[in-house]
Amino acid sequence: PTSIIHSNVKIGKRVNIGPYCIIEKDVEIEDDCELKSQIVIGSRTIIGKQTQIFPFTTIGLQSQDRKPKINEGIVKIGNNCVIREHVSIHAGTQVLFLNIVLIIEL
């Protein structure tokens, strides 16, 4: 019980969340996903079914783009993805548009 998960996170069936993970509000983790350990999932993120995420990964945190913007982007990870150690996937930003970062299934 060392992970911190916001109360409104939607967690699917058979999801395994390892130790020291932080999952912010407005996140959806679909069925059969595995978060190994020490993973941070930022707000407005969707993790597709049967996705594996390995340690020291950050997904959906604030973009490094600091230009003025109206909409923060969202991050959507597709189904059956494998995201290995030390990966950072940031929310996209663009004035007047909503960007979606999508990892397409292979």
N, C-alpha and C. Protein backbone atom coordinates (compact mmCIF):
# COMPACT_ATOMS: atom_id res chain seq x y z
N PRO A 1 0.81 -1.22 0.00
CA PRO A 1 0.00 0.00 0.00
C PRO A 1 0.85 1.27 0.00
N THR A 2 1.92 1.29 -0.80
CA THR A 2 2.80 2.46 -0.83
C THR A 2 2.51 3.38 -2.01
N SER A 3 1.57 3.01 -2.87
CA SER A 3 1.22 3.86 -4.00
C SER A 3 0.18 4.89 -3.57
N ILE A 4 0.18 6.03 -4.26
CA ILE A 4 -0.79 7.10 -3.98
C ILE A 4 -1.67 7.23 -5.22
N ILE A 5 -2.97 6.97 -5.04
CA ILE A 5 -3.91 6.96 -6.16
C ILE A 5 -5.07 7.89 -5.83
N HIS A 6 -5.30 8.89 -6.68
CA HIS A 6 -6.40 9.84 -6.45
C HIS A 6 -7.73 9.09 -6.43
N SER A 7 -8.67 9.60 -5.66
CA SER A 7 -9.94 8.91 -5.46
C SER A 7 -10.80 8.81 -6.72
N ASN A 8 -10.59 9.65 -7.74
CA ASN A 8 -11.45 9.57 -8.92
C ASN A 8 -10.82 8.80 -10.09
N VAL A 9 -9.69 8.16 -9.86
CA VAL A 9 -9.05 7.36 -10.91
C VAL A 9 -9.94 6.17 -11.24
N LYS A 10 -10.13 5.91 -12.55
CA LYS A 10 -10.90 4.76 -13.00
C LYS A 10 -9.93 3.62 -13.30
N ILE A 11 -10.07 2.54 -12.55
CA ILE A 11 -9.17 1.39 -12.70
C ILE A 11 -9.98 0.20 -13.20
N GLY A 12 -9.55 -0.37 -14.32
CA GLY A 12 -10.24 -1.51 -14.92
C GLY A 12 -10.03 -2.79 -14.13
N LYS A 13 -10.47 -3.88 -14.72
CA LYS A 13 -10.35 -5.20 -14.10
C LYS A 13 -8.94 -5.75 -14.29
N ARG A 14 -8.49 -6.49 -13.30
CA ARG A 14 -7.21 -7.20 -13.33
C ARG A 14 -6.02 -6.25 -13.59
N VAL A 15 -6.06 -5.08 -12.98
CA VAL A 15 -4.97 -4.12 -13.09
C VAL A 15 -4.05 -4.30 -11.89
N ASN A 16 -2.75 -4.38 -12.15
CA ASN A 16 -1.76 -4.53 -11.08
C ASN A 16 -0.95 -3.25 -10.99
N ILE A 17 -1.04 -2.58 -9.84
CA ILE A 17 -0.28 -1.35 -9.60
C ILE A 17 0.75 -1.65 -8.52
N GLY A 18 2.03 -1.60 -8.93
CA GLY A 18 3.12 -1.93 -8.02
C GLY A 18 3.39 -0.82 -7.02
N PRO A 19 4.45 -1.01 -6.21
CA PRO A 19 4.76 -0.05 -5.15
C PRO A 19 5.28 1.28 -5.67
N TYR A 20 5.05 2.32 -4.87
CA TYR A 20 5.59 3.66 -5.07
C TYR A 20 5.13 4.34 -6.36
N CYS A 21 3.95 4.00 -6.84
CA CYS A 21 3.36 4.68 -7.99
C CYS A 21 2.53 5.86 -7.50
N ILE A 22 2.46 6.90 -8.33
CA ILE A 22 1.61 8.06 -8.04
C ILE A 22 0.70 8.25 -9.24
N ILE A 23 -0.61 8.24 -8.99
CA ILE A 23 -1.58 8.40 -10.07
C ILE A 23 -2.49 9.57 -9.70
N GLU A 24 -2.42 10.63 -10.52
CA GLU A 24 -3.17 11.85 -10.25
C GLU A 24 -4.63 11.71 -10.68
N LYS A 25 -5.42 12.75 -10.42
CA LYS A 25 -6.85 12.75 -10.75
C LYS A 25 -7.07 12.66 -12.26
N ASP A 26 -8.28 12.26 -12.63
CA ASP A 26 -8.72 12.21 -14.03
C ASP A 26 -7.87 11.29 -14.89
N VAL A 27 -7.52 10.14 -14.35
CA VAL A 27 -6.77 9.10 -15.07
C VAL A 27 -7.66 7.89 -15.22
N GLU A 28 -7.55 7.23 -16.37
CA GLU A 28 -8.25 5.96 -16.59
C GLU A 28 -7.22 4.90 -16.98
N ILE A 29 -7.25 3.80 -16.26
CA ILE A 29 -6.38 2.66 -16.56
C ILE A 29 -7.30 1.51 -16.93
N GLU A 30 -7.24 1.09 -18.18
CA GLU A 30 -8.16 0.06 -18.67
C GLU A 30 -7.72 -1.34 -18.22
N ASP A 31 -8.51 -2.34 -18.55
CA ASP A 31 -8.34 -3.72 -18.08
C ASP A 31 -6.95 -4.30 -18.39
N ASP A 32 -6.50 -5.17 -17.48
CA ASP A 32 -5.31 -6.03 -17.67
C ASP A 32 -4.01 -5.26 -17.84
N CYS A 33 -3.90 -4.10 -17.23
CA CYS A 33 -2.66 -3.33 -17.28
C CYS A 33 -1.77 -3.67 -16.09
N GLU A 34 -0.48 -3.42 -16.27
CA GLU A 34 0.47 -3.63 -15.18
C GLU A 34 1.40 -2.43 -15.08
N LEU A 35 1.40 -1.78 -13.93
CA LEU A 35 2.34 -0.72 -13.62
C LEU A 35 3.34 -1.32 -12.63
N LYS A 36 4.56 -1.54 -13.08
CA LYS A 36 5.54 -2.30 -12.29
C LYS A 36 5.83 -1.64 -10.94
N SER A 37 6.44 -0.46 -10.94
CA SER A 37 6.72 0.28 -9.70
C SER A 37 7.29 1.65 -10.05
N GLN A 38 7.18 2.58 -9.11
CA GLN A 38 7.78 3.90 -9.21
C GLN A 38 7.43 4.62 -10.52
N ILE A 39 6.13 4.65 -10.82
CA ILE A 39 5.61 5.26 -12.04
C ILE A 39 4.72 6.43 -11.64
N VAL A 40 4.81 7.53 -12.39
CA VAL A 40 3.94 8.68 -12.15
C VAL A 40 3.05 8.87 -13.37
N ILE A 41 1.72 8.87 -13.14
CA ILE A 41 0.74 9.10 -14.20
C ILE A 41 0.03 10.41 -13.88
N GLY A 42 0.17 11.40 -14.77
CA GLY A 42 -0.44 12.71 -14.55
C GLY A 42 -1.90 12.76 -14.97
N SER A 43 -2.55 13.83 -14.58
CA SER A 43 -3.97 14.03 -14.89
C SER A 43 -4.22 13.99 -16.39
N ARG A 44 -5.47 13.64 -16.75
CA ARG A 44 -5.93 13.62 -18.14
C ARG A 44 -5.14 12.61 -18.98
N THR A 45 -4.97 11.42 -18.42
CA THR A 45 -4.24 10.35 -19.10
C THR A 45 -5.12 9.11 -19.16
N ILE A 46 -5.07 8.42 -20.30
CA ILE A 46 -5.78 7.16 -20.49
C ILE A 46 -4.75 6.11 -20.88
N ILE A 47 -4.73 5.01 -20.14
CA ILE A 47 -3.83 3.90 -20.43
C ILE A 47 -4.67 2.77 -21.02
N GLY A 48 -4.38 2.36 -22.25
CA GLY A 48 -5.16 1.33 -22.94
C GLY A 48 -4.98 -0.06 -22.34
N LYS A 49 -5.85 -0.95 -22.75
CA LYS A 49 -5.88 -2.32 -22.23
C LYS A 49 -4.56 -3.05 -22.46
N GLN A 50 -4.23 -3.92 -21.52
CA GLN A 50 -3.09 -4.84 -21.60
C GLN A 50 -1.76 -4.13 -21.81
N THR A 51 -1.63 -2.94 -21.24
CA THR A 51 -0.38 -2.19 -21.35
C THR A 51 0.50 -2.47 -20.14
N GLN A 52 1.80 -2.61 -20.39
CA GLN A 52 2.79 -2.79 -19.33
C GLN A 52 3.65 -1.54 -19.27
N ILE A 53 3.84 -1.03 -18.05
CA ILE A 53 4.67 0.15 -17.85
C ILE A 53 5.73 -0.20 -16.81
N PHE A 54 6.99 0.04 -17.17
CA PHE A 54 8.11 -0.36 -16.33
C PHE A 54 8.58 0.81 -15.46
N PRO A 55 9.44 0.53 -14.46
CA PRO A 55 9.81 1.53 -13.45
C PRO A 55 10.40 2.83 -14.00
N PHE A 56 10.24 3.87 -13.19
CA PHE A 56 10.81 5.20 -13.41
C PHE A 56 10.28 5.86 -14.67
N THR A 57 9.02 5.62 -14.98
CA THR A 57 8.36 6.20 -16.14
C THR A 57 7.40 7.29 -15.68
N THR A 58 7.32 8.38 -16.45
CA THR A 58 6.33 9.42 -16.19
C THR A 58 5.49 9.62 -17.44
N ILE A 59 4.18 9.67 -17.25
CA ILE A 59 3.25 9.81 -18.37
C ILE A 59 2.22 10.88 -18.03
N GLY A 60 2.03 11.82 -18.95
CA GLY A 60 0.95 12.80 -18.80
C GLY A 60 1.24 13.97 -17.91
N LEU A 61 2.49 14.20 -17.55
CA LEU A 61 2.79 15.37 -16.74
C LEU A 61 2.83 16.62 -17.62
N GLN A 62 2.95 17.76 -17.01
CA GLN A 62 2.91 19.04 -17.71
C GLN A 62 3.95 19.07 -18.84
N SER A 63 3.55 19.62 -19.96
CA SER A 63 4.43 19.72 -21.12
C SER A 63 5.63 20.60 -20.82
N GLN A 64 6.71 20.32 -21.53
CA GLN A 64 7.89 21.18 -21.41
C GLN A 64 7.73 22.45 -22.25
N ASP A 65 6.71 22.49 -23.10
CA ASP A 65 6.41 23.66 -23.92
C ASP A 65 5.78 24.72 -23.02
N ARG A 66 6.40 25.84 -22.83
CA ARG A 66 5.91 26.85 -21.90
C ARG A 66 5.29 28.06 -22.60
N LYS A 67 5.06 27.99 -23.90
CA LYS A 67 4.38 29.10 -24.59
C LYS A 67 2.96 29.26 -24.03
N PRO A 68 2.38 30.45 -24.18
CA PRO A 68 0.99 30.64 -23.74
C PRO A 68 0.07 29.64 -24.44
N LYS A 69 -0.89 29.11 -23.72
CA LYS A 69 -1.78 28.11 -24.31
C LYS A 69 -3.16 28.22 -23.68
N ILE A 70 -4.13 27.70 -24.37
CA ILE A 70 -5.49 27.70 -23.85
C ILE A 70 -5.84 26.32 -23.31
N ASN A 71 -5.46 25.28 -24.01
CA ASN A 71 -5.79 23.91 -23.60
C ASN A 71 -4.54 23.13 -23.25
N GLU A 72 -4.59 22.43 -22.13
CA GLU A 72 -3.57 21.43 -21.86
C GLU A 72 -3.97 20.18 -22.63
N GLY A 73 -3.00 19.49 -23.16
CA GLY A 73 -3.30 18.28 -23.91
C GLY A 73 -3.64 17.12 -23.00
N ILE A 74 -4.02 16.02 -23.62
CA ILE A 74 -4.21 14.77 -22.88
C ILE A 74 -3.25 13.76 -23.47
N VAL A 75 -3.06 12.67 -22.75
CA VAL A 75 -2.23 11.58 -23.24
C VAL A 75 -3.11 10.34 -23.29
N LYS A 76 -3.11 9.67 -24.43
CA LYS A 76 -3.82 8.40 -24.57
C LYS A 76 -2.83 7.36 -25.08
N ILE A 77 -2.64 6.35 -24.27
CA ILE A 77 -1.76 5.24 -24.64
C ILE A 77 -2.67 4.15 -25.22
N GLY A 78 -2.30 3.61 -26.36
CA GLY A 78 -3.11 2.57 -27.00
C GLY A 78 -3.07 1.25 -26.25
N ASN A 79 -3.78 0.27 -26.78
CA ASN A 79 -3.82 -1.07 -26.18
C ASN A 79 -2.54 -1.85 -26.48
N ASN A 80 -2.21 -2.77 -25.60
CA ASN A 80 -1.10 -3.73 -25.80
C ASN A 80 0.25 -3.05 -25.98
N CYS A 81 0.49 -1.95 -25.28
CA CYS A 81 1.77 -1.26 -25.37
C CYS A 81 2.71 -1.72 -24.27
N VAL A 82 4.00 -1.64 -24.55
CA VAL A 82 5.03 -1.89 -23.55
C VAL A 82 5.87 -0.62 -23.48
N ILE A 83 5.88 0.01 -22.31
CA ILE A 83 6.64 1.24 -22.11
C ILE A 83 7.74 0.90 -21.12
N ARG A 84 8.97 0.92 -21.60
CA ARG A 84 10.11 0.47 -20.80
C ARG A 84 10.59 1.56 -19.83
N GLU A 85 11.64 1.23 -19.08
CA GLU A 85 12.16 2.07 -18.01
C GLU A 85 12.57 3.46 -18.48
N HIS A 86 12.40 4.44 -17.60
CA HIS A 86 12.89 5.81 -17.75
C HIS A 86 12.31 6.55 -18.94
N VAL A 87 11.09 6.23 -19.34
CA VAL A 87 10.44 6.92 -20.45
C VAL A 87 9.61 8.07 -19.89
N SER A 88 9.61 9.21 -20.61
CA SER A 88 8.74 10.34 -20.27
C SER A 88 7.86 10.65 -21.47
N ILE A 89 6.55 10.66 -21.24
CA ILE A 89 5.59 11.03 -22.28
C ILE A 89 4.78 12.19 -21.71
N HIS A 90 4.98 13.38 -22.27
CA HIS A 90 4.33 14.58 -21.74
C HIS A 90 3.07 14.89 -22.52
N ALA A 91 2.17 15.59 -21.86
CA ALA A 91 0.96 16.08 -22.53
C ALA A 91 1.36 17.14 -23.54
N GLY A 92 0.75 17.09 -24.71
CA GLY A 92 1.04 18.08 -25.75
C GLY A 92 0.27 19.36 -25.47
N THR A 93 0.73 20.46 -26.07
CA THR A 93 0.02 21.73 -25.95
C THR A 93 0.06 22.43 -27.30
N GLN A 94 -0.97 23.18 -27.56
CA GLN A 94 -1.02 24.01 -28.75
C GLN A 94 -2.15 25.00 -28.56
N VAL A 95 -1.91 26.26 -28.83
CA VAL A 95 -2.92 27.28 -28.65
C VAL A 95 -4.15 26.94 -29.50
N LEU A 96 -5.33 26.94 -28.88
CA LEU A 96 -6.63 26.70 -29.50
C LEU A 96 -6.89 25.26 -29.93
N PHE A 97 -5.98 24.34 -29.68
CA PHE A 97 -6.20 22.95 -30.07
C PHE A 97 -5.92 22.03 -28.89
N LEU A 98 -6.51 20.86 -28.93
CA LEU A 98 -6.25 19.84 -27.92
C LEU A 98 -5.46 18.73 -28.59
N ASN A 99 -4.23 18.54 -28.17
CA ASN A 99 -3.37 17.51 -28.77
C ASN A 99 -3.54 16.20 -28.02
N ILE A 100 -3.42 15.12 -28.74
CA ILE A 100 -3.46 13.79 -28.14
C ILE A 100 -2.19 13.07 -28.55
N VAL A 101 -1.45 12.57 -27.57
CA VAL A 101 -0.29 11.74 -27.85
C VAL A 101 -0.79 10.31 -27.86
N LEU A 102 -0.59 9.61 -28.95
CA LEU A 102 -1.15 8.26 -29.09
C LEU A 102 -0.05 7.30 -29.50
N ILE A 103 0.09 6.25 -28.75
CA ILE A 103 1.02 5.19 -29.13
C ILE A 103 0.17 4.12 -29.80
N ILE A 104 0.44 3.86 -31.06
CA ILE A 104 -0.39 2.95 -31.85
C ILE A 104 0.04 1.50 -31.60
N GLU A 105 -0.95 0.62 -31.52
CA GLU A 105 -0.68 -0.80 -31.33
C GLU A 105 0.14 -1.35 -32.49
N LEU A 106 0.99 -2.31 -32.19
CA LEU A 106 1.75 -2.99 -33.25
C LEU A 106 1.08 -4.27 -33.64
